[in-house]
Amino acid sequence: MENIFWIMSQILENLKYTKDHEWVKKLENGHYQMGITDYAQSSLGDIVYVDMPGEGSDLKQGSSIGTIESVKAVSDIYSPMDGSVVSKNETIGEDPVAVNEDPYNTGWLLEFQASGEAQWNGLLSAAQYKELLDAH
């Protein structure tokens, strides 16, 4: 039954992904936006609280930058790239269920300025992320 769940998880072609189930989108202004994947939010269940760093905070690729709490568990959120926080999604502080309802749009977590392009190129493509989920 679990494999059916992974097949049904939404994976968007225009995003990059991490092995820790974060997504990253390159914005037109040169910044990046990130959040957790559809697979991650489905695995967590109903999200009740999100704790993310504020504007100006430094990000280091692979380091824990916050937590997301659901009725099932508390999970770390990891930075997909080096950089600094430009803004966080204030909406999810008031309405964390937005992460469950629309993880790729209204449920985004952070906007950040990356230290460089190299790490973006090293993130997983949609096809590579799908392979990762299929391997579970």
N, C-alpha and C. Protein backbone atom coordinates (compact mmCIF):
# COMPACT_ATOMS: atom_id res chain seq x y z
N MET A 1 0.82 -1.19 0.00
CA MET A 1 0.00 0.00 0.00
C MET A 1 0.87 1.27 0.00
N GLU A 2 2.01 1.23 0.69
CA GLU A 2 2.86 2.41 0.77
C GLU A 2 3.40 2.83 -0.58
N ASN A 3 3.75 1.87 -1.46
CA ASN A 3 4.25 2.23 -2.77
C ASN A 3 3.23 3.01 -3.57
N ILE A 4 1.95 2.69 -3.44
CA ILE A 4 0.91 3.45 -4.11
C ILE A 4 0.94 4.89 -3.63
N PHE A 5 1.15 5.09 -2.34
CA PHE A 5 1.23 6.44 -1.77
C PHE A 5 2.35 7.23 -2.42
N TRP A 6 3.53 6.62 -2.60
CA TRP A 6 4.66 7.33 -3.19
C TRP A 6 4.39 7.68 -4.64
N ILE A 7 3.75 6.78 -5.35
CA ILE A 7 3.43 7.04 -6.75
C ILE A 7 2.47 8.23 -6.85
N MET A 8 1.57 8.34 -5.88
CA MET A 8 0.57 9.41 -5.92
C MET A 8 1.12 10.74 -5.41
N SER A 9 2.27 10.77 -4.78
CA SER A 9 2.84 12.02 -4.30
C SER A 9 3.15 12.93 -5.48
N GLN A 10 2.83 14.19 -5.31
CA GLN A 10 3.05 15.17 -6.37
C GLN A 10 4.52 15.58 -6.40
N ILE A 11 5.14 15.46 -7.57
CA ILE A 11 6.52 15.88 -7.79
C ILE A 11 6.50 16.84 -8.98
N LEU A 12 6.87 18.08 -8.76
CA LEU A 12 6.81 19.09 -9.81
C LEU A 12 8.13 19.14 -10.58
N GLU A 13 8.02 19.18 -11.89
CA GLU A 13 9.19 19.16 -12.78
C GLU A 13 10.07 20.41 -12.66
N ASN A 14 9.49 21.55 -12.32
CA ASN A 14 10.25 22.81 -12.30
C ASN A 14 11.01 23.05 -11.00
N LEU A 15 10.99 22.08 -10.10
CA LEU A 15 11.67 22.23 -8.81
C LEU A 15 12.87 21.30 -8.73
N LYS A 16 13.75 21.59 -7.77
CA LYS A 16 14.83 20.68 -7.39
C LYS A 16 14.49 20.15 -6.00
N TYR A 17 15.12 19.03 -5.63
CA TYR A 17 14.77 18.34 -4.39
C TYR A 17 16.01 17.91 -3.62
N THR A 18 15.81 17.64 -2.32
CA THR A 18 16.88 17.09 -1.50
C THR A 18 16.49 15.67 -1.07
N LYS A 19 17.49 14.92 -0.62
CA LYS A 19 17.22 13.58 -0.10
C LYS A 19 16.43 13.63 1.21
N ASP A 20 16.40 14.80 1.84
CA ASP A 20 15.66 14.98 3.09
C ASP A 20 14.23 15.46 2.84
N HIS A 21 13.80 15.49 1.58
CA HIS A 21 12.42 15.81 1.20
C HIS A 21 12.07 17.29 1.29
N GLU A 22 13.06 18.14 1.00
CA GLU A 22 12.79 19.56 0.81
C GLU A 22 12.77 19.83 -0.70
N TRP A 23 12.02 20.85 -1.10
CA TRP A 23 12.04 21.29 -2.50
C TRP A 23 12.62 22.70 -2.56
N VAL A 24 13.16 23.06 -3.74
CA VAL A 24 13.74 24.38 -3.96
C VAL A 24 13.30 24.88 -5.32
N LYS A 25 12.88 26.15 -5.36
CA LYS A 25 12.48 26.79 -6.61
C LYS A 25 13.35 28.03 -6.82
N LYS A 26 13.87 28.20 -8.02
CA LYS A 26 14.62 29.40 -8.37
C LYS A 26 13.61 30.47 -8.78
N LEU A 27 13.66 31.62 -8.12
CA LEU A 27 12.73 32.71 -8.41
C LEU A 27 13.32 33.66 -9.45
N GLU A 28 12.46 34.43 -10.09
CA GLU A 28 12.90 35.37 -11.13
C GLU A 28 13.83 36.45 -10.60
N ASN A 29 13.71 36.79 -9.31
CA ASN A 29 14.55 37.85 -8.73
C ASN A 29 15.94 37.34 -8.32
N GLY A 30 16.25 36.07 -8.63
CA GLY A 30 17.55 35.51 -8.28
C GLY A 30 17.59 34.84 -6.92
N HIS A 31 16.52 35.00 -6.14
CA HIS A 31 16.42 34.31 -4.85
C HIS A 31 15.88 32.91 -5.07
N TYR A 32 15.80 32.15 -3.99
CA TYR A 32 15.26 30.80 -4.01
C TYR A 32 14.17 30.70 -2.96
N GLN A 33 13.22 29.82 -3.22
CA GLN A 33 12.17 29.54 -2.26
C GLN A 33 12.26 28.06 -1.93
N MET A 34 11.93 27.69 -0.71
CA MET A 34 11.99 26.29 -0.30
C MET A 34 10.81 25.91 0.57
N GLY A 35 10.58 24.61 0.62
CA GLY A 35 9.54 24.07 1.48
C GLY A 35 9.76 22.57 1.60
N ILE A 36 8.76 21.87 2.14
CA ILE A 36 8.85 20.41 2.20
C ILE A 36 7.97 19.83 1.09
N THR A 37 8.33 18.65 0.65
CA THR A 37 7.62 18.03 -0.46
C THR A 37 6.25 17.50 -0.07
N ASP A 38 5.47 17.21 -1.08
CA ASP A 38 4.17 16.59 -0.87
C ASP A 38 4.32 15.27 -0.13
N TYR A 39 5.32 14.50 -0.50
CA TYR A 39 5.60 13.24 0.20
C TYR A 39 5.85 13.48 1.69
N ALA A 40 6.67 14.49 2.00
CA ALA A 40 7.01 14.78 3.40
C ALA A 40 5.78 15.20 4.20
N GLN A 41 4.99 16.12 3.64
CA GLN A 41 3.82 16.57 4.39
C GLN A 41 2.81 15.44 4.59
N SER A 42 2.68 14.56 3.59
CA SER A 42 1.78 13.42 3.72
C SER A 42 2.27 12.45 4.79
N SER A 43 3.58 12.24 4.84
CA SER A 43 4.17 11.34 5.83
C SER A 43 4.01 11.87 7.24
N LEU A 44 4.12 13.18 7.39
CA LEU A 44 4.01 13.80 8.71
C LEU A 44 2.59 13.80 9.24
N GLY A 45 1.62 13.92 8.38
CA GLY A 45 0.23 14.05 8.82
C GLY A 45 -0.09 15.51 9.09
N ASP A 46 -1.09 15.76 9.91
CA ASP A 46 -1.55 17.12 10.16
C ASP A 46 -0.48 17.95 10.85
N ILE A 47 -0.04 19.00 10.18
CA ILE A 47 1.02 19.88 10.71
C ILE A 47 0.39 20.92 11.62
N VAL A 48 0.98 21.05 12.82
CA VAL A 48 0.41 21.96 13.82
C VAL A 48 1.33 23.14 14.15
N TYR A 49 2.62 23.05 13.80
CA TYR A 49 3.55 24.13 14.14
C TYR A 49 4.78 24.03 13.25
N VAL A 50 5.28 25.20 12.83
CA VAL A 50 6.50 25.28 12.04
C VAL A 50 7.39 26.35 12.66
N ASP A 51 8.66 26.00 12.91
CA ASP A 51 9.64 26.94 13.47
C ASP A 51 10.76 27.11 12.45
N MET A 52 10.88 28.32 11.90
CA MET A 52 11.88 28.61 10.87
C MET A 52 12.71 29.82 11.29
N PRO A 53 13.94 29.93 10.78
CA PRO A 53 14.78 31.08 11.13
C PRO A 53 14.26 32.37 10.49
N GLY A 54 14.61 33.48 11.09
CA GLY A 54 14.16 34.78 10.62
C GLY A 54 15.09 35.40 9.58
N GLU A 55 14.66 36.53 9.08
CA GLU A 55 15.40 37.28 8.06
C GLU A 55 16.83 37.54 8.50
N GLY A 56 17.77 37.32 7.59
CA GLY A 56 19.18 37.55 7.86
C GLY A 56 19.92 36.35 8.43
N SER A 57 19.20 35.33 8.83
CA SER A 57 19.85 34.13 9.38
C SER A 57 20.67 33.42 8.31
N ASP A 58 21.83 32.92 8.71
CA ASP A 58 22.68 32.18 7.79
C ASP A 58 22.19 30.75 7.61
N LEU A 59 22.35 30.24 6.39
CA LEU A 59 21.98 28.87 6.07
C LEU A 59 23.23 28.11 5.63
N LYS A 60 23.38 26.89 6.09
CA LYS A 60 24.48 26.03 5.67
C LYS A 60 23.88 24.75 5.13
N GLN A 61 24.23 24.41 3.91
CA GLN A 61 23.66 23.23 3.26
C GLN A 61 23.77 22.00 4.16
N GLY A 62 22.65 21.30 4.33
CA GLY A 62 22.62 20.07 5.11
C GLY A 62 22.41 20.27 6.60
N SER A 63 22.48 21.51 7.08
CA SER A 63 22.29 21.78 8.51
C SER A 63 20.82 21.98 8.83
N SER A 64 20.44 21.58 10.04
CA SER A 64 19.07 21.80 10.49
C SER A 64 18.82 23.29 10.65
N ILE A 65 17.72 23.76 10.07
CA ILE A 65 17.42 25.19 10.15
C ILE A 65 16.09 25.47 10.85
N GLY A 66 15.39 24.41 11.20
CA GLY A 66 14.11 24.59 11.87
C GLY A 66 13.44 23.25 12.10
N THR A 67 12.22 23.33 12.61
CA THR A 67 11.47 22.11 12.86
C THR A 67 10.04 22.27 12.36
N ILE A 68 9.45 21.13 12.08
CA ILE A 68 8.05 21.08 11.70
C ILE A 68 7.40 20.03 12.59
N GLU A 69 6.32 20.43 13.24
CA GLU A 69 5.66 19.56 14.20
C GLU A 69 4.29 19.15 13.67
N SER A 70 4.04 17.85 13.74
CA SER A 70 2.74 17.33 13.32
C SER A 70 2.13 16.57 14.49
N VAL A 71 0.94 16.06 14.29
CA VAL A 71 0.32 15.26 15.34
C VAL A 71 1.09 13.97 15.57
N LYS A 72 1.92 13.56 14.59
CA LYS A 72 2.69 12.32 14.70
C LYS A 72 4.08 12.50 15.29
N ALA A 73 4.78 13.60 14.90
CA ALA A 73 6.20 13.74 15.26
C ALA A 73 6.69 15.16 15.07
N VAL A 74 7.90 15.41 15.56
CA VAL A 74 8.61 16.65 15.27
C VAL A 74 9.79 16.28 14.39
N SER A 75 9.94 16.98 13.27
CA SER A 75 11.01 16.67 12.31
C SER A 75 11.84 17.90 12.03
N ASP A 76 13.14 17.67 11.82
CA ASP A 76 14.03 18.76 11.42
C ASP A 76 13.80 19.11 9.96
N ILE A 77 14.04 20.37 9.64
CA ILE A 77 14.07 20.85 8.26
C ILE A 77 15.51 21.25 7.99
N TYR A 78 16.03 20.80 6.84
CA TYR A 78 17.44 21.02 6.51
C TYR A 78 17.59 22.02 5.37
N SER A 79 18.63 22.82 5.46
CA SER A 79 18.89 23.80 4.41
C SER A 79 19.37 23.10 3.14
N PRO A 80 18.76 23.39 2.00
CA PRO A 80 19.19 22.77 0.76
C PRO A 80 20.46 23.38 0.18
N MET A 81 20.78 24.61 0.60
CA MET A 81 21.93 25.33 0.04
C MET A 81 22.48 26.29 1.10
N ASP A 82 23.71 26.75 0.87
CA ASP A 82 24.28 27.82 1.69
C ASP A 82 23.65 29.14 1.28
N GLY A 83 23.49 30.04 2.23
CA GLY A 83 22.95 31.35 1.90
C GLY A 83 22.46 32.07 3.14
N SER A 84 21.52 33.00 2.92
CA SER A 84 20.92 33.72 4.04
C SER A 84 19.44 33.94 3.77
N VAL A 85 18.67 33.94 4.84
CA VAL A 85 17.22 34.06 4.76
C VAL A 85 16.84 35.49 4.35
N VAL A 86 16.01 35.58 3.33
CA VAL A 86 15.45 36.87 2.91
C VAL A 86 14.12 37.09 3.63
N SER A 87 13.30 36.05 3.68
CA SER A 87 12.02 36.13 4.39
C SER A 87 11.52 34.73 4.69
N LYS A 88 10.61 34.65 5.65
CA LYS A 88 9.94 33.38 5.92
C LYS A 88 8.46 33.59 5.68
N ASN A 89 7.77 32.52 5.43
CA ASN A 89 6.34 32.57 5.15
C ASN A 89 5.59 32.77 6.47
N GLU A 90 5.18 33.99 6.73
CA GLU A 90 4.49 34.31 7.98
C GLU A 90 3.12 33.64 8.06
N THR A 91 2.53 33.34 6.92
CA THR A 91 1.21 32.71 6.88
C THR A 91 1.20 31.37 7.60
N ILE A 92 2.29 30.60 7.44
CA ILE A 92 2.29 29.27 8.07
C ILE A 92 2.44 29.34 9.58
N GLY A 93 2.92 30.46 10.10
CA GLY A 93 2.96 30.64 11.55
C GLY A 93 1.56 30.70 12.12
N GLU A 94 0.65 31.33 11.37
CA GLU A 94 -0.73 31.47 11.80
C GLU A 94 -1.58 30.28 11.35
N ASP A 95 -1.22 29.67 10.21
CA ASP A 95 -2.02 28.60 9.63
C ASP A 95 -1.11 27.50 9.07
N PRO A 96 -0.48 26.70 9.96
CA PRO A 96 0.48 25.70 9.50
C PRO A 96 -0.12 24.62 8.61
N VAL A 97 -1.44 24.47 8.62
CA VAL A 97 -2.08 23.47 7.77
C VAL A 97 -1.89 23.81 6.29
N ALA A 98 -1.50 25.03 5.96
CA ALA A 98 -1.21 25.41 4.57
C ALA A 98 -0.11 24.53 3.99
N VAL A 99 0.80 24.05 4.83
CA VAL A 99 1.86 23.16 4.36
C VAL A 99 1.25 21.84 3.89
N ASN A 100 0.23 21.35 4.58
CA ASN A 100 -0.47 20.13 4.16
C ASN A 100 -1.30 20.37 2.91
N GLU A 101 -1.99 21.48 2.87
CA GLU A 101 -2.93 21.74 1.79
C GLU A 101 -2.26 22.06 0.47
N ASP A 102 -1.15 22.79 0.50
CA ASP A 102 -0.50 23.23 -0.74
C ASP A 102 1.00 23.44 -0.50
N PRO A 103 1.76 22.34 -0.32
CA PRO A 103 3.17 22.47 0.08
C PRO A 103 4.04 23.21 -0.94
N TYR A 104 3.64 23.26 -2.21
CA TYR A 104 4.47 23.89 -3.23
C TYR A 104 4.11 25.34 -3.53
N ASN A 105 3.04 25.83 -2.95
CA ASN A 105 2.63 27.22 -3.22
C ASN A 105 2.42 27.98 -1.92
N THR A 106 1.22 27.97 -1.36
CA THR A 106 0.96 28.73 -0.14
C THR A 106 1.70 28.17 1.07
N GLY A 107 2.16 26.91 0.99
CA GLY A 107 2.85 26.28 2.12
C GLY A 107 4.36 26.36 2.06
N TRP A 108 4.92 27.26 1.25
CA TRP A 108 6.38 27.41 1.21
C TRP A 108 6.88 27.87 2.59
N LEU A 109 8.17 27.63 2.86
CA LEU A 109 8.72 27.94 4.18
C LEU A 109 9.61 29.18 4.20
N LEU A 110 10.63 29.19 3.33
CA LEU A 110 11.61 30.29 3.32
C LEU A 110 11.91 30.78 1.91
N GLU A 111 12.25 32.07 1.83
CA GLU A 111 12.90 32.61 0.64
C GLU A 111 14.31 32.97 1.07
N PHE A 112 15.30 32.60 0.25
CA PHE A 112 16.68 32.87 0.64
C PHE A 112 17.53 33.28 -0.55
N GLN A 113 18.64 33.94 -0.23
CA GLN A 113 19.67 34.31 -1.20
C GLN A 113 20.76 33.27 -1.07
N ALA A 114 21.07 32.59 -2.16
CA ALA A 114 22.10 31.55 -2.12
C ALA A 114 23.49 32.14 -2.23
N SER A 115 24.47 31.43 -1.70
CA SER A 115 25.86 31.87 -1.79
C SER A 115 26.44 31.64 -3.17
N GLY A 116 25.83 30.76 -3.96
CA GLY A 116 26.31 30.48 -5.30
C GLY A 116 25.41 29.50 -6.02
N GLU A 117 25.71 29.24 -7.29
CA GLU A 117 24.90 28.37 -8.14
C GLU A 117 25.28 26.89 -8.03
N ALA A 118 26.49 26.58 -7.63
CA ALA A 118 26.98 25.20 -7.67
C ALA A 118 26.07 24.24 -6.90
N GLN A 119 25.61 24.64 -5.74
CA GLN A 119 24.77 23.75 -4.93
C GLN A 119 23.40 23.52 -5.58
N TRP A 120 22.88 24.51 -6.28
CA TRP A 120 21.62 24.36 -7.01
C TRP A 120 21.76 23.23 -8.03
N ASN A 121 22.86 23.24 -8.75
CA ASN A 121 23.09 22.22 -9.78
C ASN A 121 23.26 20.83 -9.18
N GLY A 122 23.63 20.74 -7.92
CA GLY A 122 23.82 19.45 -7.26
C GLY A 122 22.57 18.87 -6.63
N LEU A 123 21.47 19.62 -6.62
CA LEU A 123 20.22 19.12 -6.05
C LEU A 123 19.58 18.11 -7.00
N LEU A 124 18.66 17.31 -6.49
CA LEU A 124 18.01 16.27 -7.28
C LEU A 124 16.99 16.86 -8.25
N SER A 125 16.96 16.32 -9.45
CA SER A 125 15.91 16.67 -10.41
C SER A 125 14.62 15.97 -9.98
N ALA A 126 13.51 16.30 -10.63
CA ALA A 126 12.25 15.63 -10.33
C ALA A 126 12.37 14.13 -10.58
N ALA A 127 13.02 13.74 -11.67
CA ALA A 127 13.19 12.31 -11.99
C ALA A 127 14.04 11.61 -10.93
N GLN A 128 15.11 12.26 -10.48
CA GLN A 128 15.96 11.67 -9.45
C GLN A 128 15.22 11.55 -8.12
N TYR A 129 14.40 12.55 -7.80
CA TYR A 129 13.63 12.49 -6.57
C TYR A 129 12.60 11.37 -6.63
N LYS A 130 11.97 11.20 -7.77
CA LYS A 130 11.01 10.11 -7.95
C LYS A 130 11.70 8.76 -7.75
N GLU A 131 12.92 8.62 -8.29
CA GLU A 131 13.69 7.38 -8.09
C GLU A 131 13.97 7.14 -6.61
N LEU A 132 14.29 8.22 -5.88
CA LEU A 132 14.53 8.10 -4.45
C LEU A 132 13.28 7.57 -3.73
N LEU A 133 12.12 8.10 -4.08
CA LEU A 133 10.88 7.63 -3.45
C LEU A 133 10.56 6.20 -3.85
N ASP A 134 10.79 5.87 -5.11
CA ASP A 134 10.53 4.51 -5.58
C ASP A 134 11.42 3.47 -4.89
N ALA A 135 12.60 3.90 -4.44
CA ALA A 135 13.55 2.98 -3.78
C ALA A 135 13.12 2.62 -2.35
N HIS A 136 12.21 3.38 -1.78
CA HIS A 136 11.78 3.10 -0.40
C HIS A 136 11.01 1.82 -0.31
